[in-house]
């Protein structure tokens, strides 16, 4: 094995340790990391020590958690950083108009990655968090992105197993196709207790060209979910951000 291939192999192993913290973060003992990665404990111990030294992990007693440097680096990814900076005024306007929790998300593969979130005053049992991922099919943001992505992606998602996060998650491809088609017609996507019980959501796509590059949403307790009242504010925020991106004053890529 050459030096380069050995280094690459160790890098793969280090990344596999960091991947253990998807999707919710948390803290793990070395034995847990070893079990999750199927790596020998001695290898995990050595790699964790290096990751701690580099600031990518932090050690607290006998557990390891993600380090602050990962957050710093993640916030500097150009596409997300620029999009987030452009979107913040629109997210703040949307929050002021609704006083509810608002999200900005982008698509990576078959998942939504949340780039920003502003909390409403109610403590909602939301699985979303900045930097976190959820299936496209279980969220309003995800459905908005899916509805205005290329048709090939839609067919790939519909052909695969559909995630179930709650009893209300749509696992029937026929129902999901209908929801996508309705979003394409109305320009709005809905999620009703599909990602978290007691929470509903309305979302709108954000465009840079003909394809959605992001989506904005408002999440509301199910008991006071009034889509007709929320829709104008969501549309206005998404249209405003789309105009900014299309104007060329800011690049989303």
C-alpha atoms as a PDB file:
ATOM      1  CA  UNK A   1       0.000   0.000   0.000  1.00  0.00           C
ATOM      2  CA  UNK A   2       1.421   3.399  -0.963  1.00  0.00           C
ATOM      3  CA  UNK A   3       1.630   6.293   1.449  1.00  0.00           C
ATOM      4  CA  UNK A   4      -1.143   8.138  -0.388  1.00  0.00           C
ATOM      5  CA  UNK A   5      -3.509   5.162  -0.346  1.00  0.00           C
ATOM      6  CA  UNK A   6      -2.793   4.559   3.351  1.00  0.00           C
ATOM      7  CA  UNK A   7      -3.537   8.200   4.128  1.00  0.00           C
ATOM      8  CA  UNK A   8      -6.732   8.037   2.087  1.00  0.00           C
ATOM      9  CA  UNK A   9      -7.801   4.909   3.937  1.00  0.00           C
ATOM     10  CA  UNK A  10      -7.287   6.582   7.298  1.00  0.00           C
ATOM     11  CA  UNK A  11      -9.202   9.635   6.082  1.00  0.00           C
ATOM     12  CA  UNK A  12     -12.093   7.368   5.071  1.00  0.00           C
ATOM     13  CA  UNK A  13     -12.057   5.862   8.558  1.00  0.00           C
ATOM     14  CA  UNK A  14     -11.997   9.292  10.204  1.00  0.00           C
ATOM     15  CA  UNK A  15     -14.973  10.403   8.111  1.00  0.00           C
ATOM     16  CA  UNK A  16     -16.828   7.222   9.058  1.00  0.00           C
ATOM     17  CA  UNK A  17     -16.432   8.228  12.698  1.00  0.00           C
ATOM     18  CA  UNK A  18     -17.827  11.702  11.994  1.00  0.00           C
ATOM     19  CA  UNK A  19     -20.707  10.136  10.048  1.00  0.00           C
ATOM     20  CA  UNK A  20     -21.772   8.330  13.240  1.00  0.00           C
ATOM     21  CA  UNK A  21     -23.161  11.649  14.453  1.00  0.00           C
ATOM     22  CA  UNK A  22     -25.766  11.850  11.674  1.00  0.00           C
ATOM     23  CA  UNK A  23     -28.531  12.902  11.892  1.00  0.00           C
ATOM     24  CA  UNK A  24     -28.900  14.119  15.476  1.00  0.00           C
ATOM     25  CA  UNK A  25     -25.399  14.686  16.844  1.00  0.00           C
ATOM     26  CA  UNK A  26     -25.114  13.518  20.436  1.00  0.00           C
ATOM     27  CA  UNK A  27     -22.218  12.023  22.369  1.00  0.00           C
ATOM     28  CA  UNK A  28     -20.712   8.562  22.033  1.00  0.00           C
ATOM     29  CA  UNK A  29     -18.249   6.437  23.934  1.00  0.00           C
ATOM     30  CA  UNK A  30     -15.312   4.989  22.074  1.00  0.00           C
ATOM     31  CA  UNK A  31     -16.857   1.506  22.259  1.00  0.00           C
ATOM     32  CA  UNK A  32     -20.049   2.844  20.647  1.00  0.00           C
ATOM     33  CA  UNK A  33     -18.079   4.489  17.840  1.00  0.00           C
ATOM     34  CA  UNK A  34     -16.195   1.262  17.301  1.00  0.00           C
ATOM     35  CA  UNK A  35     -19.444  -0.693  17.042  1.00  0.00           C
ATOM     36  CA  UNK A  36     -21.035   1.855  14.688  1.00  0.00           C
ATOM     37  CA  UNK A  37     -18.040   1.972  12.340  1.00  0.00           C
ATOM     38  CA  UNK A  38     -16.934  -1.681  12.690  1.00  0.00           C
ATOM     39  CA  UNK A  39     -13.414  -0.370  13.297  1.00  0.00           C
ATOM     40  CA  UNK A  40     -11.080  -1.784  15.969  1.00  0.00           C
ATOM     41  CA  UNK A  41     -11.124   0.106  19.253  1.00  0.00           C
ATOM     42  CA  UNK A  42      -7.418   0.903  18.919  1.00  0.00           C
ATOM     43  CA  UNK A  43      -8.021   2.529  15.540  1.00  0.00           C
ATOM     44  CA  UNK A  44     -10.986   4.515  16.851  1.00  0.00           C
ATOM     45  CA  UNK A  45      -8.991   5.643  19.875  1.00  0.00           C
ATOM     46  CA  UNK A  46      -6.136   6.890  17.700  1.00  0.00           C
ATOM     47  CA  UNK A  47      -8.402   8.632  15.195  1.00  0.00           C
ATOM     48  CA  UNK A  48     -10.543  10.229  17.909  1.00  0.00           C
ATOM     49  CA  UNK A  49      -7.406  11.641  19.517  1.00  0.00           C
ATOM     50  CA  UNK A  50      -6.417  13.199  16.174  1.00  0.00           C
ATOM     51  CA  UNK A  51      -9.925  14.560  15.576  1.00  0.00           C
ATOM     52  CA  UNK A  52      -9.961  16.114  19.058  1.00  0.00           C
ATOM     53  CA  UNK A  53      -6.547  17.671  18.424  1.00  0.00           C
ATOM     54  CA  UNK A  54      -7.846  19.171  15.172  1.00  0.00           C
ATOM     55  CA  UNK A  55     -11.022  20.521  16.799  1.00  0.00           C
ATOM     56  CA  UNK A  56     -13.339  18.260  14.799  1.00  0.00           C
ATOM     57  CA  UNK A  57     -14.364  16.348  17.926  1.00  0.00           C
ATOM     58  CA  UNK A  58     -14.523  17.354  21.580  1.00  0.00           C
ATOM     59  CA  UNK A  59     -13.930  14.967  24.472  1.00  0.00           C
ATOM     60  CA  UNK A  60     -15.931  15.143  27.675  1.00  0.00           C
ATOM     61  CA  UNK A  61     -15.043  12.478  30.251  1.00  0.00           C
ATOM     62  CA  UNK A  62     -15.343   9.192  28.337  1.00  0.00           C
ATOM     63  CA  UNK A  63     -17.537  10.464  25.488  1.00  0.00           C
ATOM     64  CA  UNK A  64     -16.902  12.286  22.241  1.00  0.00           C
ATOM     65  CA  UNK A  65     -19.093  14.887  20.540  1.00  0.00           C
ATOM     66  CA  UNK A  66     -18.749  17.014  17.414  1.00  0.00           C
ATOM     67  CA  UNK A  67     -16.288  19.876  17.679  1.00  0.00           C
ATOM     68  CA  UNK A  68     -16.900  23.549  17.099  1.00  0.00           C
ATOM     69  CA  UNK A  69     -14.600  23.703  14.102  1.00  0.00           C
ATOM     70  CA  UNK A  70     -17.077  21.629  12.081  1.00  0.00           C
ATOM     71  CA  UNK A  71     -19.763  24.252  12.669  1.00  0.00           C
ATOM     72  CA  UNK A  72     -17.359  27.027  11.716  1.00  0.00           C
ATOM     73  CA  UNK A  73     -16.355  25.288   8.503  1.00  0.00           C
ATOM     74  CA  UNK A  74     -19.919  24.301   7.630  1.00  0.00           C
ATOM     75  CA  UNK A  75     -21.135  27.866   7.934  1.00  0.00           C
ATOM     76  CA  UNK A  76     -18.518  28.921   5.362  1.00  0.00           C
ATOM     77  CA  UNK A  77     -19.639  26.584   2.562  1.00  0.00           C
ATOM     78  CA  UNK A  78     -20.164  29.201  -0.193  1.00  0.00           C
ATOM     79  CA  UNK A  79     -23.464  27.952  -1.621  1.00  0.00           C
ATOM     80  CA  UNK A  80     -25.156  27.676   1.754  1.00  0.00           C
ATOM     81  CA  UNK A  81     -23.530  30.754   3.240  1.00  0.00           C
ATOM     82  CA  UNK A  82     -24.513  33.019   0.353  1.00  0.00           C
ATOM     83  CA  UNK A  83     -28.031  31.613   0.163  1.00  0.00           C
ATOM     84  CA  UNK A  84     -28.524  31.941   3.907  1.00  0.00           C
ATOM     85  CA  UNK A  85     -27.294  35.538   3.934  1.00  0.00           C
ATOM     86  CA  UNK A  86     -29.612  36.419   1.057  1.00  0.00           C
ATOM     87  CA  UNK A  87     -32.578  34.641   2.638  1.00  0.00           C
ATOM     88  CA  UNK A  88     -32.327  36.012   6.174  1.00  0.00           C
ATOM     89  CA  UNK A  89     -34.258  39.265   5.554  1.00  0.00           C
ATOM     90  CA  UNK A  90     -37.067  37.319   3.886  1.00  0.00           C
ATOM     91  CA  UNK A  91     -37.115  34.736   6.681  1.00  0.00           C
ATOM     92  CA  UNK A  92     -37.284  37.515   9.251  1.00  0.00           C
ATOM     93  CA  UNK A  93     -40.155  39.169   7.366  1.00  0.00           C
ATOM     94  CA  UNK A  94     -41.951  35.819   7.206  1.00  0.00           C
ATOM     95  CA  UNK A  95     -41.457  35.313  10.922  1.00  0.00           C
ATOM     96  CA  UNK A  96     -42.753  38.796  11.703  1.00  0.00           C
ATOM     97  CA  UNK A  97     -45.817  38.185   9.534  1.00  0.00           C
ATOM     98  CA  UNK A  98     -46.680  34.809  11.088  1.00  0.00           C
ATOM     99  CA  UNK A  99     -44.901  34.671  14.490  1.00  0.00           C
ATOM    100  CA  UNK A 100     -44.369  30.992  13.743  1.00  0.00           C
ATOM    101  CA  UNK A 101     -41.269  28.861  13.167  1.00  0.00           C
ATOM    102  CA  UNK A 102     -39.809  29.388   9.690  1.00  0.00           C
ATOM    103  CA  UNK A 103     -37.317  27.281   7.756  1.00  0.00           C
ATOM    104  CA  UNK A 104     -34.997  27.529   4.790  1.00  0.00           C
ATOM    105  CA  UNK A 105     -33.926  24.225   3.248  1.00  0.00           C
ATOM    106  CA  UNK A 106     -32.002  22.915   0.244  1.00  0.00           C
ATOM    107  CA  UNK A 107     -31.928  19.506  -1.388  1.00  0.00           C
ATOM    108  CA  UNK A 108     -29.047  17.058  -1.175  1.00  0.00           C
ATOM    109  CA  UNK A 109     -29.871  13.768  -2.804  1.00  0.00           C
ATOM    110  CA  UNK A 110     -33.197  12.527  -1.469  1.00  0.00           C
ATOM    111  CA  UNK A 111     -33.011  14.676   1.668  1.00  0.00           C
ATOM    112  CA  UNK A 112     -33.665  18.216   2.841  1.00  0.00           C
ATOM    113  CA  UNK A 113     -30.774  19.972   4.564  1.00  0.00           C
ATOM    114  CA  UNK A 114     -31.940  22.844   6.772  1.00  0.00           C
ATOM    115  CA  UNK A 115     -29.817  25.942   6.237  1.00  0.00           C
ATOM    116  CA  UNK A 116     -31.641  28.284   8.636  1.00  0.00           C
ATOM    117  CA  UNK A 117     -34.474  28.222  11.150  1.00  0.00           C
ATOM    118  CA  UNK A 118     -36.111  30.967  13.199  1.00  0.00           C
ATOM    119  CA  UNK A 119     -38.094  29.711  16.175  1.00  0.00           C
ATOM    120  CA  UNK A 120     -41.620  30.748  16.932  1.00  0.00           C
ATOM    121  CA  UNK A 121     -42.695  31.321  20.509  1.00  0.00           C
ATOM    122  CA  UNK A 122     -44.245  27.867  20.882  1.00  0.00           C
ATOM    123  CA  UNK A 123     -41.952  24.958  21.663  1.00  0.00           C
ATOM    124  CA  UNK A 124     -42.738  22.601  18.802  1.00  0.00           C
ATOM    125  CA  UNK A 125     -41.498  18.984  18.676  1.00  0.00           C
ATOM    126  CA  UNK A 126     -39.691  19.618  15.409  1.00  0.00           C
ATOM    127  CA  UNK A 127     -37.057  17.168  14.129  1.00  0.00           C
ATOM    128  CA  UNK A 128     -35.560  19.920  11.945  1.00  0.00           C
ATOM    129  CA  UNK A 129     -32.382  21.712  12.977  1.00  0.00           C
ATOM    130  CA  UNK A 130     -29.790  23.808  11.193  1.00  0.00           C
ATOM    131  CA  UNK A 131     -27.519  21.440   9.316  1.00  0.00           C
ATOM    132  CA  UNK A 132     -29.898  18.549   9.937  1.00  0.00           C
ATOM    133  CA  UNK A 133     -31.446  16.309   7.301  1.00  0.00           C
ATOM    134  CA  UNK A 134     -34.918  14.873   6.756  1.00  0.00           C
ATOM    135  CA  UNK A 135     -36.460  12.897   3.890  1.00  0.00           C
ATOM    136  CA  UNK A 136     -37.825  15.031   1.060  1.00  0.00           C
ATOM    137  CA  UNK A 137     -41.126  13.181   1.187  1.00  0.00           C
ATOM    138  CA  UNK A 138     -41.935  13.887   4.845  1.00  0.00           C
ATOM    139  CA  UNK A 139     -41.575  17.671   4.884  1.00  0.00           C
ATOM    140  CA  UNK A 140     -43.212  20.673   3.285  1.00  0.00           C
ATOM    141  CA  UNK A 141     -39.810  22.038   2.255  1.00  0.00           C
ATOM    142  CA  UNK A 142     -38.926  18.682   0.726  1.00  0.00           C
ATOM    143  CA  UNK A 143     -42.149  18.388  -1.244  1.00  0.00           C
ATOM    144  CA  UNK A 144     -41.726  21.932  -2.575  1.00  0.00           C
ATOM    145  CA  UNK A 145     -38.212  21.077  -3.729  1.00  0.00           C
ATOM    146  CA  UNK A 146     -39.332  17.769  -5.205  1.00  0.00           C
ATOM    147  CA  UNK A 147     -42.249  19.347  -7.073  1.00  0.00           C
ATOM    148  CA  UNK A 148     -39.964  21.795  -8.843  1.00  0.00           C
ATOM    149  CA  UNK A 149     -36.950  19.586  -9.496  1.00  0.00           C
ATOM    150  CA  UNK A 150     -36.409  17.539 -12.644  1.00  0.00           C
ATOM    151  CA  UNK A 151     -38.884  14.771 -13.419  1.00  0.00           C
ATOM    152  CA  UNK A 152     -36.192  12.096 -13.223  1.00  0.00           C
ATOM    153  CA  UNK A 153     -35.618  12.816  -9.538  1.00  0.00           C
ATOM    154  CA  UNK A 154     -39.342  12.570  -8.835  1.00  0.00           C
ATOM    155  CA  UNK A 155     -39.537   9.178 -10.524  1.00  0.00           C
ATOM    156  CA  UNK A 156     -36.507   7.928  -8.613  1.00  0.00           C
ATOM    157  CA  UNK A 157     -38.046   8.991  -5.295  1.00  0.00           C
ATOM    158  CA  UNK A 158     -41.429   7.471  -6.138  1.00  0.00           C
ATOM    159  CA  UNK A 159     -39.789   4.193  -7.174  1.00  0.00           C
ATOM    160  CA  UNK A 160     -37.935   3.762  -3.910  1.00  0.00           C
ATOM    161  CA  UNK A 161     -39.159   3.015  -0.405  1.00  0.00           C
ATOM    162  CA  UNK A 162     -40.786   6.072   1.159  1.00  0.00           C
ATOM    163  CA  UNK A 163     -39.712   7.019   4.676  1.00  0.00           C
ATOM    164  CA  UNK A 164     -42.134   6.875   7.582  1.00  0.00           C
ATOM    165  CA  UNK A 165     -41.370   9.312  10.394  1.00  0.00           C
ATOM    166  CA  UNK A 166     -44.903   9.319  11.849  1.00  0.00           C
ATOM    167  CA  UNK A 167     -48.122   7.392  11.194  1.00  0.00           C
ATOM    168  CA  UNK A 168     -49.121  10.278   8.895  1.00  0.00           C
ATOM    169  CA  UNK A 169     -46.060  10.084   6.624  1.00  0.00           C
ATOM    170  CA  UNK A 170     -47.033   9.346   3.031  1.00  0.00           C
ATOM    171  CA  UNK A 171     -45.698   5.931   2.065  1.00  0.00           C
ATOM    172  CA  UNK A 172     -48.024   5.345  -0.881  1.00  0.00           C
ATOM    173  CA  UNK A 173     -46.351   6.550  -4.127  1.00  0.00           C
ATOM    174  CA  UNK A 174     -49.733   7.302  -5.722  1.00  0.00           C
ATOM    175  CA  UNK A 175     -50.665   9.659  -2.875  1.00  0.00           C
ATOM    176  CA  UNK A 176     -47.237  11.267  -2.977  1.00  0.00           C
ATOM    177  CA  UNK A 177     -47.437  11.820  -6.730  1.00  0.00           C
ATOM    178  CA  UNK A 178     -50.801  13.517  -6.228  1.00  0.00           C
ATOM    179  CA  UNK A 179     -49.331  15.789  -3.532  1.00  0.00           C
ATOM    180  CA  UNK A 180     -46.430  16.703  -5.835  1.00  0.00           C
ATOM    181  CA  UNK A 181     -48.763  17.486  -8.738  1.00  0.00           C
ATOM    182  CA  UNK A 182     -50.935  19.652  -6.493  1.00  0.00           C
ATOM    183  CA  UNK A 183     -47.838  21.566  -5.371  1.00  0.00           C
ATOM    184  CA  UNK A 184     -46.845  22.108  -9.004  1.00  0.00           C
ATOM    185  CA  UNK A 185     -50.249  23.638  -9.730  1.00  0.00           C
ATOM    186  CA  UNK A 186     -50.583  25.802  -6.625  1.00  0.00           C
ATOM    187  CA  UNK A 187     -46.930  26.656  -6.023  1.00  0.00           C
ATOM    188  CA  UNK A 188     -47.316  25.550  -2.402  1.00  0.00           C
ATOM    189  CA  UNK A 189     -46.552  22.276  -0.641  1.00  0.00           C
ATOM    190  CA  UNK A 190     -48.156  21.003   2.537  1.00  0.00           C
ATOM    191  CA  UNK A 191     -47.127  18.617   5.286  1.00  0.00           C
ATOM    192  CA  UNK A 192     -49.564  17.544   7.964  1.00  0.00           C
ATOM    193  CA  UNK A 193     -47.989  15.729  10.913  1.00  0.00           C
ATOM    194  CA  UNK A 194     -45.764  13.773   8.524  1.00  0.00           C
ATOM    195  CA  UNK A 195     -42.445  14.701  10.152  1.00  0.00           C
ATOM    196  CA  UNK A 196     -43.646  15.295  13.729  1.00  0.00           C
ATOM    197  CA  UNK A 197     -46.932  14.683  15.473  1.00  0.00           C
ATOM    198  CA  UNK A 198     -48.933  17.817  16.218  1.00  0.00           C
ATOM    199  CA  UNK A 199     -47.146  19.959  13.642  1.00  0.00           C
ATOM    200  CA  UNK A 200     -48.227  21.023  10.147  1.00  0.00           C
ATOM    201  CA  UNK A 201     -46.350  23.031   7.559  1.00  0.00           C
ATOM    202  CA  UNK A 202     -46.788  25.075   4.393  1.00  0.00           C
ATOM    203  CA  UNK A 203     -43.843  25.665   2.037  1.00  0.00           C
ATOM    204  CA  UNK A 204     -42.989  27.445  -1.225  1.00  0.00           C
ATOM    205  CA  UNK A 205     -40.087  26.920  -3.633  1.00  0.00           C
ATOM    206  CA  UNK A 206     -37.296  29.413  -4.232  1.00  0.00           C
ATOM    207  CA  UNK A 207     -35.985  29.629  -7.806  1.00  0.00           C
ATOM    208  CA  UNK A 208     -32.751  30.618  -9.474  1.00  0.00           C
ATOM    209  CA  UNK A 209     -33.710  29.830 -13.064  1.00  0.00           C
ATOM    210  CA  UNK A 210     -36.374  27.220 -13.737  1.00  0.00           C
ATOM    211  CA  UNK A 211     -35.445  24.761 -10.966  1.00  0.00           C
ATOM    212  CA  UNK A 212     -36.014  25.207  -7.246  1.00  0.00           C
ATOM    213  CA  UNK A 213     -32.731  25.763  -5.411  1.00  0.00           C
ATOM    214  CA  UNK A 214     -34.329  26.055  -1.969  1.00  0.00           C
ATOM    215  CA  UNK A 215     -37.670  26.290  -0.219  1.00  0.00           C
ATOM    216  CA  UNK A 216     -39.139  28.355   2.631  1.00  0.00           C
ATOM    217  CA  UNK A 217     -41.705  27.064   5.092  1.00  0.00           C
ATOM    218  CA  UNK A 218     -43.770  27.935   8.130  1.00  0.00           C
ATOM    219  CA  UNK A 219     -44.376  25.240  10.762  1.00  0.00           C
ATOM    220  CA  UNK A 220     -47.441  25.610  12.977  1.00  0.00           C
ATOM    221  CA  UNK A 221     -49.118  23.614  15.747  1.00  0.00           C
ATOM    222  CA  UNK A 222     -51.757  21.446  14.087  1.00  0.00           C
ATOM    223  CA  UNK A 223     -54.581  22.980  16.131  1.00  0.00           C
ATOM    224  CA  UNK A 224     -54.125  26.414  14.563  1.00  0.00           C
ATOM    225  CA  UNK A 225     -52.937  25.494  11.086  1.00  0.00           C
ATOM    226  CA  UNK A 226     -54.733  27.872   8.708  1.00  0.00           C
ATOM    227  CA  UNK A 227     -53.113  27.460   5.257  1.00  0.00           C
ATOM    228  CA  UNK A 228     -55.187  30.183   3.603  1.00  0.00           C
ATOM    229  CA  UNK A 229     -53.934  32.727   6.152  1.00  0.00           C
ATOM    230  CA  UNK A 230     -50.295  31.625   5.924  1.00  0.00           C
ATOM    231  CA  UNK A 231     -50.055  31.180   2.146  1.00  0.00           C
ATOM    232  CA  UNK A 232     -49.713  34.874   1.133  1.00  0.00           C
ATOM    233  CA  UNK A 233     -46.792  35.468   3.497  1.00  0.00           C
ATOM    234  CA  UNK A 234     -45.009  32.280   2.416  1.00  0.00           C
ATOM    235  CA  UNK A 235     -45.492  33.096  -1.266  1.00  0.00           C
ATOM    236  CA  UNK A 236     -44.278  36.676  -0.785  1.00  0.00           C
ATOM    237  CA  UNK A 237     -41.094  35.594   0.993  1.00  0.00           C
ATOM    238  CA  UNK A 238     -40.280  32.900  -1.578  1.00  0.00           C
ATOM    239  CA  UNK A 239     -40.962  35.224  -4.526  1.00  0.00           C
ATOM    240  CA  UNK A 240     -38.838  37.985  -3.027  1.00  0.00           C
ATOM    241  CA  UNK A 241     -35.867  35.687  -2.514  1.00  0.00           C
ATOM    242  CA  UNK A 242     -36.308  34.201  -5.998  1.00  0.00           C
ATOM    243  CA  UNK A 243     -36.243  37.685  -7.542  1.00  0.00           C
ATOM    244  CA  UNK A 244     -33.021  38.475  -5.693  1.00  0.00           C
ATOM    245  CA  UNK A 245     -31.349  35.270  -6.857  1.00  0.00           C
ATOM    246  CA  UNK A 246     -32.527  35.718 -10.453  1.00  0.00           C
ATOM    247  CA  UNK A 247     -31.376  39.329 -10.531  1.00  0.00           C
ATOM    248  CA  UNK A 248     -27.770  38.211 -10.481  1.00  0.00           C
ATOM    249  CA  UNK A 249     -26.948  40.395  -7.505  1.00  0.00           C
ATOM    250  CA  UNK A 250     -26.144  37.248  -5.604  1.00  0.00           C
ATOM    251  CA  UNK A 251     -25.151  33.813  -6.819  1.00  0.00           C
ATOM    252  CA  UNK A 252     -26.677  30.771  -5.088  1.00  0.00           C
ATOM    253  CA  UNK A 253     -24.038  28.376  -6.429  1.00  0.00           C
END
